[in-house]
N, C-alpha and C. Protein backbone atom coordinates (compact mmCIF):
# COMPACT_ATOMS: atom_id res chain seq x y z
N MET A 1 -7.46 6.83 -5.02
CA MET A 1 -8.87 6.60 -4.83
C MET A 1 -9.05 5.48 -3.82
N ARG A 2 -9.87 5.78 -2.83
CA ARG A 2 -10.12 4.78 -1.78
C ARG A 2 -10.98 3.65 -2.39
N SER A 3 -10.55 2.38 -2.25
CA SER A 3 -11.31 1.28 -2.83
C SER A 3 -12.27 0.81 -1.82
N ILE A 4 -13.45 0.64 -2.17
CA ILE A 4 -14.47 0.09 -1.36
C ILE A 4 -15.15 -1.18 -2.05
N VAL A 5 -14.74 -1.47 -3.32
CA VAL A 5 -15.25 -2.67 -3.93
C VAL A 5 -14.28 -3.81 -3.82
N LEU A 6 -14.43 -4.62 -2.86
CA LEU A 6 -13.45 -5.57 -2.46
C LEU A 6 -13.38 -6.87 -3.28
N LEU A 7 -14.41 -7.05 -4.20
CA LEU A 7 -14.48 -8.32 -4.98
C LEU A 7 -13.95 -8.09 -6.44
N LEU A 8 -13.41 -6.86 -6.73
CA LEU A 8 -12.90 -6.53 -7.96
C LEU A 8 -11.62 -7.23 -8.30
N LEU A 9 -11.51 -7.65 -9.56
CA LEU A 9 -10.21 -8.25 -10.01
C LEU A 9 -9.30 -7.15 -10.23
N VAL A 10 -8.02 -7.33 -9.70
CA VAL A 10 -7.00 -6.29 -9.88
C VAL A 10 -5.70 -6.93 -10.40
N THR A 11 -5.20 -6.32 -11.39
CA THR A 11 -3.90 -6.86 -11.96
C THR A 11 -2.78 -6.28 -11.16
N ALA A 12 -1.99 -7.12 -10.61
CA ALA A 12 -0.87 -6.65 -9.76
C ALA A 12 0.14 -5.99 -10.58
N THR A 13 0.66 -4.92 -10.03
CA THR A 13 1.59 -4.09 -10.76
C THR A 13 3.10 -4.52 -10.55
N VAL A 14 3.33 -5.40 -9.73
CA VAL A 14 4.71 -5.90 -9.46
C VAL A 14 5.00 -6.97 -10.44
N SER A 15 6.00 -6.82 -11.25
CA SER A 15 6.27 -7.78 -12.30
C SER A 15 7.18 -8.92 -11.86
N GLY A 16 7.88 -8.80 -10.73
CA GLY A 16 8.79 -9.83 -10.31
C GLY A 16 9.56 -9.46 -9.12
N CYS A 17 10.48 -10.30 -8.73
CA CYS A 17 11.31 -10.01 -7.54
C CYS A 17 12.50 -9.11 -7.93
N VAL A 18 12.90 -8.35 -6.83
CA VAL A 18 14.11 -7.55 -7.08
C VAL A 18 15.29 -8.45 -7.01
N ASP A 19 16.20 -8.32 -7.94
CA ASP A 19 17.42 -9.20 -7.97
C ASP A 19 18.23 -8.98 -6.73
N SER A 20 18.61 -10.00 -6.14
CA SER A 20 19.52 -9.95 -4.95
C SER A 20 20.37 -11.16 -4.97
N PRO A 21 21.71 -11.01 -4.75
CA PRO A 21 22.62 -12.13 -4.70
C PRO A 21 22.28 -13.13 -3.62
N GLN A 22 21.57 -12.70 -2.63
CA GLN A 22 21.26 -13.58 -1.39
C GLN A 22 20.03 -14.41 -1.70
N VAL A 23 19.29 -14.18 -2.69
CA VAL A 23 18.02 -14.82 -2.92
C VAL A 23 18.13 -15.92 -3.92
N SER A 24 17.46 -17.07 -3.73
CA SER A 24 17.54 -18.22 -4.56
C SER A 24 17.16 -17.80 -6.04
N ARG A 25 17.76 -18.49 -6.99
CA ARG A 25 17.40 -18.22 -8.42
C ARG A 25 15.99 -18.56 -8.74
N ARG A 26 15.22 -19.23 -7.86
CA ARG A 26 13.87 -19.56 -8.04
C ARG A 26 13.09 -18.26 -8.20
N ASP A 27 13.60 -17.13 -7.84
CA ASP A 27 12.90 -15.84 -7.84
C ASP A 27 12.66 -15.47 -9.32
N SER A 28 13.34 -16.09 -10.26
CA SER A 28 13.15 -15.73 -11.67
C SER A 28 11.92 -16.33 -12.25
N THR A 29 11.18 -17.24 -11.50
CA THR A 29 10.01 -17.79 -12.00
C THR A 29 8.92 -16.81 -12.24
N ARG A 30 8.00 -17.14 -13.11
CA ARG A 30 6.96 -16.17 -13.40
C ARG A 30 5.94 -16.14 -12.20
N PRO A 31 5.68 -14.92 -11.72
CA PRO A 31 4.73 -14.79 -10.54
C PRO A 31 3.40 -15.24 -10.91
N SER A 32 2.63 -15.94 -9.92
CA SER A 32 1.29 -16.24 -10.19
C SER A 32 0.39 -15.05 -9.85
N LYS A 33 -0.74 -15.01 -10.56
CA LYS A 33 -1.63 -13.93 -10.32
C LYS A 33 -3.03 -14.49 -9.99
N GLY A 34 -3.79 -13.80 -9.13
CA GLY A 34 -5.04 -14.27 -8.73
C GLY A 34 -6.00 -13.19 -8.40
N LEU A 35 -6.97 -13.59 -7.52
CA LEU A 35 -7.96 -12.58 -7.13
C LEU A 35 -7.52 -11.85 -5.90
N LEU A 36 -8.29 -10.85 -5.50
CA LEU A 36 -8.01 -10.22 -4.28
C LEU A 36 -8.21 -11.30 -3.17
N SER A 37 -7.42 -11.21 -2.08
CA SER A 37 -7.45 -12.18 -1.01
C SER A 37 -8.86 -12.41 -0.51
N PRO A 38 -9.32 -13.60 -0.44
CA PRO A 38 -10.70 -13.91 -0.01
C PRO A 38 -10.70 -14.06 1.57
N ARG A 39 -9.60 -13.94 2.21
CA ARG A 39 -9.59 -14.17 3.63
C ARG A 39 -10.34 -13.05 4.38
N PRO A 40 -11.22 -13.58 5.34
CA PRO A 40 -12.07 -12.60 6.10
C PRO A 40 -11.20 -11.50 6.82
N GLU A 41 -10.10 -11.87 7.37
CA GLU A 41 -9.23 -10.90 8.05
C GLU A 41 -8.71 -9.85 7.15
N THR A 42 -8.49 -10.15 5.82
CA THR A 42 -8.04 -9.13 4.89
C THR A 42 -9.20 -8.18 4.54
N ARG A 43 -10.40 -8.75 4.33
CA ARG A 43 -11.55 -7.91 4.10
C ARG A 43 -11.87 -6.92 5.24
N GLU A 44 -11.66 -7.49 6.46
CA GLU A 44 -11.87 -6.64 7.67
C GLU A 44 -10.83 -5.49 7.72
N CYS A 45 -9.54 -5.94 7.41
CA CYS A 45 -8.47 -4.91 7.49
C CYS A 45 -8.69 -3.77 6.48
N LEU A 46 -9.18 -4.16 5.27
CA LEU A 46 -9.41 -3.17 4.20
C LEU A 46 -10.46 -2.19 4.62
N ALA A 47 -11.50 -2.69 5.30
CA ALA A 47 -12.51 -1.72 5.84
C ALA A 47 -11.95 -0.83 6.90
N GLN A 48 -11.09 -1.40 7.81
CA GLN A 48 -10.48 -0.56 8.81
C GLN A 48 -9.53 0.42 8.21
N LEU A 49 -8.80 0.05 7.19
CA LEU A 49 -7.91 1.02 6.48
C LEU A 49 -8.68 2.09 5.82
N GLY A 50 -9.79 1.69 5.26
CA GLY A 50 -10.70 2.83 4.61
C GLY A 50 -11.16 3.72 5.60
N ALA A 51 -11.48 3.39 6.80
CA ALA A 51 -11.96 4.20 7.85
C ALA A 51 -10.93 5.31 8.28
N THR A 52 -9.64 5.01 8.03
CA THR A 52 -8.59 5.99 8.35
C THR A 52 -8.58 7.12 7.34
N ARG A 53 -9.32 6.98 6.25
CA ARG A 53 -9.38 7.90 5.10
C ARG A 53 -8.10 7.92 4.31
N ALA A 54 -7.42 6.76 4.34
CA ALA A 54 -6.26 6.56 3.47
C ALA A 54 -6.76 6.32 2.04
N ASN A 55 -6.01 6.73 1.12
CA ASN A 55 -6.28 6.48 -0.33
C ASN A 55 -5.39 5.23 -0.72
N PHE A 56 -6.07 4.18 -1.21
CA PHE A 56 -5.38 3.03 -1.50
C PHE A 56 -6.18 2.17 -2.53
N THR A 57 -5.49 1.27 -3.19
CA THR A 57 -6.03 0.37 -4.07
C THR A 57 -5.61 -1.14 -3.66
N PRO A 58 -6.56 -2.09 -3.47
CA PRO A 58 -6.15 -3.44 -3.19
C PRO A 58 -5.44 -4.05 -4.30
N VAL A 59 -4.51 -4.95 -4.12
CA VAL A 59 -3.78 -5.59 -5.13
C VAL A 59 -4.03 -7.11 -5.15
N ALA A 60 -4.10 -7.72 -6.29
CA ALA A 60 -4.32 -9.18 -6.31
C ALA A 60 -3.18 -9.92 -5.71
N ASP A 61 -3.57 -11.10 -5.00
CA ASP A 61 -2.45 -11.92 -4.43
C ASP A 61 -1.56 -12.36 -5.52
N GLN A 62 -0.22 -12.47 -5.14
CA GLN A 62 0.74 -13.00 -5.99
C GLN A 62 1.78 -13.81 -5.21
N TYR A 63 2.27 -14.88 -5.78
CA TYR A 63 3.30 -15.68 -5.23
C TYR A 63 4.48 -15.64 -6.23
N PHE A 64 5.68 -15.41 -5.65
CA PHE A 64 6.92 -15.40 -6.39
C PHE A 64 7.79 -16.51 -6.01
N GLY A 65 8.76 -16.75 -6.73
CA GLY A 65 9.82 -17.85 -6.26
C GLY A 65 10.54 -17.43 -5.03
N GLY A 66 11.21 -18.43 -4.37
CA GLY A 66 12.05 -18.19 -3.32
C GLY A 66 11.24 -17.76 -2.04
N GLY A 67 10.01 -17.99 -1.95
CA GLY A 67 9.25 -17.70 -0.79
C GLY A 67 8.71 -16.22 -0.76
N CYS A 68 8.94 -15.43 -1.78
CA CYS A 68 8.52 -14.04 -1.84
C CYS A 68 6.99 -14.06 -2.29
N SER A 69 6.30 -13.05 -1.77
CA SER A 69 4.86 -12.98 -2.13
C SER A 69 4.29 -11.56 -1.77
N ASN A 70 3.19 -11.28 -2.43
CA ASN A 70 2.35 -10.19 -2.11
C ASN A 70 0.95 -10.71 -1.82
N LEU A 71 0.64 -10.96 -0.53
CA LEU A 71 -0.70 -11.52 -0.20
C LEU A 71 -1.44 -10.46 0.68
N GLY A 72 -2.63 -10.20 0.33
CA GLY A 72 -3.47 -9.24 1.05
C GLY A 72 -2.88 -7.87 1.08
N THR A 73 -2.25 -7.44 -0.10
CA THR A 73 -1.56 -6.11 -0.16
C THR A 73 -2.41 -5.01 -0.71
N VAL A 74 -1.95 -3.78 -0.46
CA VAL A 74 -2.53 -2.59 -1.09
C VAL A 74 -1.43 -1.71 -1.58
N ARG A 75 -1.86 -0.82 -2.52
CA ARG A 75 -0.99 0.30 -2.87
C ARG A 75 -1.53 1.59 -2.27
N LEU A 76 -0.72 2.11 -1.36
CA LEU A 76 -1.14 3.36 -0.68
C LEU A 76 -0.72 4.54 -1.54
N THR A 77 -1.77 5.47 -1.76
CA THR A 77 -1.53 6.66 -2.51
C THR A 77 -1.14 7.83 -1.55
N SER A 78 -1.96 7.91 -0.45
CA SER A 78 -1.77 8.93 0.55
C SER A 78 -2.43 8.44 1.94
N LEU A 79 -2.04 9.13 2.97
CA LEU A 79 -2.62 8.89 4.25
C LEU A 79 -3.34 10.17 4.72
N ARG A 80 -3.86 10.08 5.89
CA ARG A 80 -4.60 11.18 6.41
C ARG A 80 -4.12 11.62 7.80
N SER A 81 -3.80 12.94 7.93
CA SER A 81 -3.49 13.39 9.32
C SER A 81 -4.75 13.96 9.93
N ASP A 82 -4.61 14.65 11.06
CA ASP A 82 -5.82 15.29 11.65
C ASP A 82 -6.39 16.31 10.75
N THR A 83 -5.57 16.93 9.90
CA THR A 83 -6.00 18.10 9.18
C THR A 83 -5.81 18.12 7.70
N ALA A 84 -5.06 17.14 7.21
CA ALA A 84 -4.65 17.18 5.78
C ALA A 84 -4.33 15.76 5.22
N SER A 85 -4.12 15.77 3.94
CA SER A 85 -3.70 14.54 3.23
C SER A 85 -2.19 14.46 3.36
N LEU A 86 -1.57 13.29 3.60
CA LEU A 86 -0.14 13.12 3.68
C LEU A 86 0.35 12.36 2.56
N ALA A 87 1.26 12.95 1.76
CA ALA A 87 1.81 12.37 0.54
C ALA A 87 2.83 11.32 0.99
N LEU A 88 3.12 10.36 0.01
CA LEU A 88 4.01 9.27 0.26
C LEU A 88 4.96 9.23 -1.01
N SER A 89 6.13 8.76 -0.87
CA SER A 89 7.08 8.61 -1.99
C SER A 89 7.68 7.23 -1.99
N ASN A 90 7.83 6.65 -3.22
CA ASN A 90 8.60 5.40 -3.47
C ASN A 90 7.96 4.19 -2.80
N LEU A 91 6.72 4.20 -2.47
CA LEU A 91 6.12 3.20 -1.78
C LEU A 91 5.36 2.20 -2.68
N GLY A 92 5.82 0.88 -2.62
CA GLY A 92 5.21 -0.11 -3.41
C GLY A 92 4.13 -0.78 -2.63
N PRO A 93 3.69 -2.04 -2.98
CA PRO A 93 2.66 -2.75 -2.32
C PRO A 93 3.07 -3.13 -0.80
N VAL A 94 2.14 -3.01 0.04
CA VAL A 94 2.35 -3.40 1.46
C VAL A 94 1.14 -4.16 1.89
N THR A 95 1.36 -5.06 2.84
CA THR A 95 0.24 -5.79 3.40
C THR A 95 -0.73 -4.81 4.01
N CYS A 96 -1.99 -5.21 4.04
CA CYS A 96 -3.02 -4.34 4.57
C CYS A 96 -2.74 -3.99 6.03
N ASN A 97 -2.28 -5.02 6.74
CA ASN A 97 -2.00 -4.91 8.23
C ASN A 97 -0.90 -3.86 8.42
N MET A 98 0.14 -3.98 7.56
CA MET A 98 1.28 -3.00 7.62
C MET A 98 0.79 -1.57 7.34
N ALA A 99 -0.05 -1.48 6.27
CA ALA A 99 -0.61 -0.18 5.86
C ALA A 99 -1.41 0.45 6.97
N SER A 100 -2.19 -0.36 7.65
CA SER A 100 -3.06 0.16 8.74
C SER A 100 -2.31 0.66 9.89
N GLN A 101 -1.24 -0.05 10.24
CA GLN A 101 -0.38 0.37 11.35
C GLN A 101 0.43 1.58 10.98
N PHE A 102 0.79 1.70 9.68
CA PHE A 102 1.58 2.81 9.17
C PHE A 102 0.72 4.04 9.19
N ALA A 103 -0.56 3.93 8.79
CA ALA A 103 -1.48 5.05 8.83
C ALA A 103 -1.60 5.57 10.19
N GLY A 104 -1.75 4.66 11.23
CA GLY A 104 -1.90 5.21 12.55
C GLY A 104 -0.56 5.86 13.04
N TRP A 105 0.47 5.38 12.73
CA TRP A 105 1.78 5.97 13.17
C TRP A 105 2.03 7.27 12.52
N ALA A 106 1.66 7.43 11.25
CA ALA A 106 1.84 8.67 10.53
C ALA A 106 0.96 9.82 11.13
N ARG A 107 -0.28 9.45 11.49
CA ARG A 107 -1.20 10.47 12.02
C ARG A 107 -0.91 10.83 13.51
N PHE A 108 -0.82 9.81 14.33
CA PHE A 108 -0.74 10.00 15.76
C PHE A 108 0.62 10.05 16.28
N GLY A 109 1.59 9.50 15.59
CA GLY A 109 2.96 9.51 16.02
C GLY A 109 3.80 10.62 15.41
N VAL A 110 3.78 10.69 14.05
CA VAL A 110 4.60 11.59 13.32
C VAL A 110 4.02 13.01 13.19
N ASP A 111 2.83 13.08 12.70
CA ASP A 111 2.19 14.42 12.42
C ASP A 111 2.12 15.22 13.72
N ARG A 112 1.58 14.59 14.68
CA ARG A 112 1.43 15.37 16.03
C ARG A 112 2.67 15.74 16.64
N ALA A 113 3.78 14.82 16.52
CA ALA A 113 5.08 15.19 17.04
C ALA A 113 5.72 16.30 16.26
N ALA A 114 5.48 16.31 15.01
CA ALA A 114 6.00 17.41 14.18
C ALA A 114 5.46 18.71 14.56
N GLU A 115 4.18 18.80 14.84
CA GLU A 115 3.58 20.06 15.26
C GLU A 115 4.04 20.47 16.65
N GLN A 116 4.13 19.47 17.53
CA GLN A 116 4.52 19.78 18.92
C GLN A 116 5.97 20.18 19.08
N ILE A 117 6.86 19.42 18.35
CA ILE A 117 8.29 19.64 18.57
C ILE A 117 8.85 20.63 17.55
N LEU A 118 8.37 20.59 16.30
CA LEU A 118 8.97 21.45 15.26
C LEU A 118 8.16 22.60 14.86
N GLY A 119 6.86 22.66 15.34
CA GLY A 119 6.01 23.79 15.07
C GLY A 119 5.37 23.79 13.68
N SER A 120 5.42 22.64 12.94
CA SER A 120 4.77 22.53 11.64
C SER A 120 4.25 21.13 11.49
N ARG A 121 3.07 21.07 10.85
CA ARG A 121 2.48 19.70 10.54
C ARG A 121 3.24 19.08 9.44
N LEU A 122 3.02 17.70 9.37
CA LEU A 122 3.62 16.86 8.42
C LEU A 122 2.92 16.96 7.06
N ALA A 123 3.71 17.01 5.96
CA ALA A 123 3.10 17.01 4.64
C ALA A 123 3.36 15.77 3.84
N LYS A 124 4.59 15.09 4.14
CA LYS A 124 4.97 14.01 3.29
C LYS A 124 5.89 13.04 4.03
N ILE A 125 5.76 11.85 3.69
CA ILE A 125 6.69 10.79 4.30
C ILE A 125 7.47 10.21 3.15
N GLU A 126 8.75 10.21 3.21
CA GLU A 126 9.71 9.70 2.13
C GLU A 126 10.18 8.28 2.51
N THR A 127 10.11 7.37 1.57
CA THR A 127 10.54 6.00 1.88
C THR A 127 11.49 5.49 0.87
N PHE A 128 12.15 4.40 1.22
CA PHE A 128 12.96 3.63 0.30
C PHE A 128 12.19 2.49 -0.31
N GLY A 129 10.96 2.38 0.01
CA GLY A 129 10.17 1.34 -0.59
C GLY A 129 9.66 0.38 0.42
N SER A 130 9.01 -0.66 -0.05
CA SER A 130 8.31 -1.70 0.81
C SER A 130 8.68 -3.04 0.29
N TYR A 131 8.02 -3.56 -0.77
CA TYR A 131 8.30 -4.95 -1.23
C TYR A 131 9.65 -5.02 -1.89
N SER A 132 10.40 -6.07 -1.53
CA SER A 132 11.57 -6.37 -2.21
C SER A 132 11.97 -7.82 -1.91
N CYS A 133 12.15 -8.67 -2.97
CA CYS A 133 12.42 -10.10 -2.69
C CYS A 133 13.89 -10.26 -2.24
N ARG A 134 14.18 -10.23 -0.97
CA ARG A 134 15.52 -10.43 -0.48
C ARG A 134 15.46 -10.97 0.89
N THR A 135 16.70 -11.30 1.24
CA THR A 135 16.93 -11.91 2.64
C THR A 135 17.52 -10.83 3.52
N VAL A 136 17.45 -11.15 4.79
CA VAL A 136 18.07 -10.21 5.82
C VAL A 136 19.61 -10.28 5.49
N ALA A 137 20.18 -9.04 5.53
CA ALA A 137 21.60 -8.96 5.29
C ALA A 137 22.49 -9.90 6.15
N GLY A 138 23.30 -10.72 5.53
CA GLY A 138 24.18 -11.54 6.27
C GLY A 138 23.61 -12.86 6.76
N SER A 139 22.32 -13.16 6.23
CA SER A 139 21.62 -14.37 6.59
C SER A 139 20.86 -15.00 5.42
N SER A 140 20.30 -16.14 5.62
CA SER A 140 19.46 -16.79 4.60
C SER A 140 17.94 -16.63 4.95
N ARG A 141 17.70 -15.85 6.00
CA ARG A 141 16.31 -15.69 6.42
C ARG A 141 15.67 -14.57 5.57
N LEU A 142 14.46 -14.79 5.08
CA LEU A 142 13.81 -13.78 4.24
C LEU A 142 13.51 -12.55 5.15
N SER A 143 13.75 -11.42 4.43
CA SER A 143 13.33 -10.13 5.04
C SER A 143 11.81 -9.94 5.09
N GLY A 144 11.36 -9.11 5.97
CA GLY A 144 9.97 -8.67 5.99
C GLY A 144 9.52 -8.08 4.69
N HIS A 145 10.52 -7.45 3.95
CA HIS A 145 10.22 -6.84 2.65
C HIS A 145 9.86 -7.93 1.67
N ALA A 146 10.29 -9.10 1.83
CA ALA A 146 10.03 -10.21 0.85
C ALA A 146 8.50 -10.58 0.77
N THR A 147 7.76 -10.16 1.85
CA THR A 147 6.37 -10.39 1.83
C THR A 147 5.61 -9.12 1.92
N ALA A 148 6.21 -8.01 1.54
CA ALA A 148 5.63 -6.67 1.61
C ALA A 148 5.12 -6.28 2.99
N ASN A 149 5.77 -6.75 3.99
CA ASN A 149 5.31 -6.49 5.30
C ASN A 149 6.18 -5.56 6.05
N ALA A 150 7.00 -4.76 5.34
CA ALA A 150 7.88 -3.83 6.02
C ALA A 150 8.06 -2.55 5.10
N ILE A 151 8.30 -1.40 5.73
CA ILE A 151 8.55 -0.14 5.03
C ILE A 151 9.81 0.47 5.59
N ASP A 152 10.68 0.98 4.67
CA ASP A 152 11.86 1.69 5.10
C ASP A 152 11.62 3.20 4.95
N VAL A 153 11.58 3.91 6.03
CA VAL A 153 11.27 5.38 6.04
C VAL A 153 12.54 6.20 6.10
N SER A 154 12.79 7.12 5.13
CA SER A 154 14.01 7.83 5.06
C SER A 154 13.91 9.26 5.45
N GLY A 155 12.86 9.90 5.39
CA GLY A 155 12.71 11.29 5.76
C GLY A 155 11.20 11.79 5.75
N PHE A 156 11.11 13.06 6.13
CA PHE A 156 9.80 13.69 6.35
C PHE A 156 9.87 15.16 5.81
N VAL A 157 8.82 15.58 5.17
CA VAL A 157 8.69 16.87 4.72
C VAL A 157 7.56 17.55 5.47
N LEU A 158 7.83 18.76 6.04
CA LEU A 158 6.91 19.47 6.75
C LEU A 158 6.08 20.48 5.94
N GLU A 159 4.96 20.90 6.40
CA GLU A 159 4.12 21.85 5.68
C GLU A 159 4.81 23.18 5.46
N ASP A 160 5.82 23.51 6.31
CA ASP A 160 6.55 24.83 6.17
C ASP A 160 7.76 24.61 5.13
N GLY A 161 7.90 23.37 4.55
CA GLY A 161 8.95 23.22 3.54
C GLY A 161 10.18 22.49 4.10
N ARG A 162 10.38 22.48 5.38
CA ARG A 162 11.50 21.84 5.97
C ARG A 162 11.51 20.28 5.66
N ARG A 163 12.70 19.73 5.47
CA ARG A 163 12.85 18.32 5.20
C ARG A 163 13.78 17.77 6.29
N ILE A 164 13.19 16.78 7.04
CA ILE A 164 13.95 16.08 8.15
C ILE A 164 14.45 14.67 7.64
N SER A 165 15.71 14.48 7.60
CA SER A 165 16.36 13.30 7.08
C SER A 165 16.82 12.45 8.12
N VAL A 166 16.52 11.12 8.12
CA VAL A 166 17.11 10.21 9.05
C VAL A 166 18.63 10.22 9.04
N LEU A 167 19.14 10.17 7.80
CA LEU A 167 20.63 10.14 7.64
C LEU A 167 21.29 11.37 8.15
N GLU A 168 20.78 12.57 7.79
CA GLU A 168 21.45 13.85 8.09
C GLU A 168 21.10 14.39 9.51
N ASP A 169 19.90 14.10 9.95
CA ASP A 169 19.47 14.78 11.18
C ASP A 169 19.34 13.92 12.39
N TRP A 170 19.54 12.62 12.32
CA TRP A 170 19.56 11.85 13.53
C TRP A 170 20.60 12.26 14.49
N ASP A 171 21.82 12.57 14.03
CA ASP A 171 22.87 13.06 14.81
C ASP A 171 23.27 14.52 14.41
N GLY A 172 22.99 14.96 13.16
CA GLY A 172 23.50 16.21 12.75
C GLY A 172 22.46 17.38 12.68
N GLY A 173 21.19 17.05 13.02
CA GLY A 173 20.13 18.11 13.00
C GLY A 173 20.25 18.95 14.24
N THR A 174 19.31 19.93 14.30
CA THR A 174 19.18 20.71 15.43
C THR A 174 18.64 19.85 16.59
N SER A 175 18.74 20.41 17.85
CA SER A 175 18.26 19.63 18.95
C SER A 175 16.77 19.28 18.80
N ALA A 176 16.01 20.11 18.23
CA ALA A 176 14.59 19.85 18.05
C ALA A 176 14.40 18.75 17.01
N GLU A 177 15.20 18.69 15.88
CA GLU A 177 15.10 17.68 14.88
C GLU A 177 15.55 16.41 15.44
N ARG A 178 16.63 16.36 16.18
CA ARG A 178 17.07 15.10 16.70
C ARG A 178 16.04 14.58 17.72
N ARG A 179 15.44 15.39 18.51
CA ARG A 179 14.38 15.02 19.41
C ARG A 179 13.16 14.43 18.69
N PHE A 180 12.74 15.10 17.60
CA PHE A 180 11.65 14.69 16.74
C PHE A 180 11.90 13.24 16.33
N LEU A 181 13.07 13.02 15.73
CA LEU A 181 13.32 11.70 15.14
C LEU A 181 13.39 10.63 16.24
N ARG A 182 13.85 10.89 17.42
CA ARG A 182 13.82 9.91 18.46
C ARG A 182 12.49 9.67 19.01
N VAL A 183 11.66 10.72 19.09
CA VAL A 183 10.30 10.54 19.69
C VAL A 183 9.48 9.66 18.66
N ILE A 184 9.57 9.90 17.32
CA ILE A 184 8.80 9.14 16.43
C ILE A 184 9.33 7.71 16.27
N HIS A 185 10.70 7.52 16.47
CA HIS A 185 11.19 6.17 16.51
C HIS A 185 10.63 5.41 17.62
N ALA A 186 10.54 6.04 18.88
CA ALA A 186 9.97 5.40 20.02
C ALA A 186 8.48 5.11 19.76
N SER A 187 7.78 6.04 19.15
CA SER A 187 6.42 5.77 18.81
C SER A 187 6.22 4.60 17.96
N ALA A 188 7.15 4.45 16.96
CA ALA A 188 7.06 3.31 16.08
C ALA A 188 7.31 2.00 16.76
N CYS A 189 8.16 2.03 17.82
CA CYS A 189 8.42 0.81 18.52
C CYS A 189 7.17 0.28 19.24
N LYS A 190 6.16 1.25 19.56
CA LYS A 190 5.01 0.79 20.25
C LYS A 190 3.95 0.24 19.23
N ARG A 191 4.08 0.52 17.94
CA ARG A 191 3.08 0.12 16.92
C ARG A 191 3.52 -1.09 16.18
N PHE A 192 4.82 -1.25 15.91
CA PHE A 192 5.29 -2.23 14.98
C PHE A 192 6.12 -3.29 15.74
N GLY A 193 6.08 -4.56 15.30
CA GLY A 193 6.80 -5.61 15.91
C GLY A 193 8.32 -5.39 15.90
N THR A 194 8.87 -5.04 14.75
CA THR A 194 10.29 -4.75 14.63
C THR A 194 10.47 -3.29 14.12
N THR A 195 11.25 -2.56 14.89
CA THR A 195 11.57 -1.16 14.52
C THR A 195 13.12 -1.01 14.60
N LEU A 196 13.74 -0.70 13.55
CA LEU A 196 15.21 -0.51 13.54
C LEU A 196 15.57 0.86 13.02
N GLY A 197 16.60 1.49 13.52
CA GLY A 197 17.04 2.80 13.16
C GLY A 197 18.57 2.96 13.23
N PRO A 198 19.05 4.15 13.15
CA PRO A 198 20.53 4.39 13.10
C PRO A 198 21.26 3.87 14.29
N ALA A 199 20.58 3.70 15.42
CA ALA A 199 21.23 3.21 16.65
C ALA A 199 21.49 1.73 16.60
N TYR A 200 20.77 1.06 15.64
CA TYR A 200 20.89 -0.46 15.53
C TYR A 200 22.25 -0.80 14.89
N ASN A 201 22.46 -0.35 13.65
CA ASN A 201 23.69 -0.67 12.93
C ASN A 201 23.94 0.27 11.74
N ALA A 202 25.00 0.23 11.04
CA ALA A 202 25.39 1.18 9.97
C ALA A 202 24.39 0.96 8.84
N ALA A 203 23.86 -0.23 8.61
CA ALA A 203 22.97 -0.43 7.53
C ALA A 203 21.62 0.28 7.66
N HIS A 204 21.40 0.79 8.87
CA HIS A 204 20.11 1.50 9.07
C HIS A 204 20.36 2.99 9.43
N ARG A 205 21.57 3.42 9.11
CA ARG A 205 21.93 4.83 9.39
C ARG A 205 21.06 5.87 8.71
N ASN A 206 20.43 5.41 7.50
CA ASN A 206 19.70 6.43 6.74
C ASN A 206 18.18 6.12 6.70
N HIS A 207 17.68 5.25 7.53
CA HIS A 207 16.25 5.06 7.49
C HIS A 207 15.72 4.25 8.73
N PHE A 208 14.42 4.29 8.97
CA PHE A 208 13.82 3.46 9.96
C PHE A 208 13.17 2.28 9.15
N HIS A 209 13.45 1.05 9.71
CA HIS A 209 12.83 -0.09 9.16
C HIS A 209 11.70 -0.46 10.10
N LEU A 210 10.44 -0.41 9.48
CA LEU A 210 9.27 -0.65 10.29
C LEU A 210 8.61 -1.92 9.71
N GLU A 211 8.39 -2.86 10.62
CA GLU A 211 7.80 -4.16 10.13
C GLU A 211 6.67 -4.62 11.06
N ALA A 212 5.54 -4.99 10.45
CA ALA A 212 4.40 -5.49 11.16
C ALA A 212 4.49 -6.92 11.39
N ASP A 213 5.40 -7.48 12.26
CA ASP A 213 5.56 -8.86 12.54
C ASP A 213 5.14 -9.11 13.94
N ALA A 214 5.33 -10.39 14.43
CA ALA A 214 4.92 -10.68 15.84
C ALA A 214 6.07 -10.51 16.78
N ALA A 215 7.15 -9.93 16.36
CA ALA A 215 8.34 -9.68 17.22
C ALA A 215 8.10 -8.54 18.18
N SER A 216 9.00 -8.34 19.06
CA SER A 216 9.01 -7.20 19.95
C SER A 216 10.42 -6.68 20.03
N PHE A 217 10.90 -6.04 18.93
CA PHE A 217 12.36 -5.71 18.77
C PHE A 217 12.51 -4.28 18.40
N CYS A 218 13.08 -3.40 19.25
CA CYS A 218 13.15 -1.97 19.01
C CYS A 218 14.60 -1.57 19.25
N ARG A 219 15.23 -1.16 18.20
CA ARG A 219 16.60 -0.69 18.26
C ARG A 219 16.84 0.52 17.43
């Protein structure tokens, strides 16, 4: 259900941080719960996200230990393409800004590329999730996931039933499937600050990491 009542109190559905050996034990502290973000930019973003015809529910701001938080986040139920509703899997809370950019990429980058290259519209985007209280692998720096500002995309289901997997089809798919994945990866690089994929390192062999940050890093 698209939310248009922005002053409603919402109980956040995330109960705590994901356990990670790289994150401080402060993560075990009880998360604070509050109202929906009062910031004008968040309210404006929610209105813009609603204009895309995405189905979403705003989530109350929460602070967790170790610098992890959900601020100005939403739960996306589905997105909208030119012609249909796009299902989503395994997606937790994401910042409104990330959700808005993701909605644009899904419609204008992925759906249209699927039709042009593979001959079928997009039906579903599969993910490994969004929020996770953890650091970047091999460092002490918090991941974009720790603030719900990143999504890991693992695959795509088309209206004709075909499933395109980042892991299986980046190198092992048909020429059209490989082209499709590279085209939408390049499209993501134009929309998100950080875009990582199989060409970056082995840790990203099975997904695209999409992050709405201020960087300009595409690999």
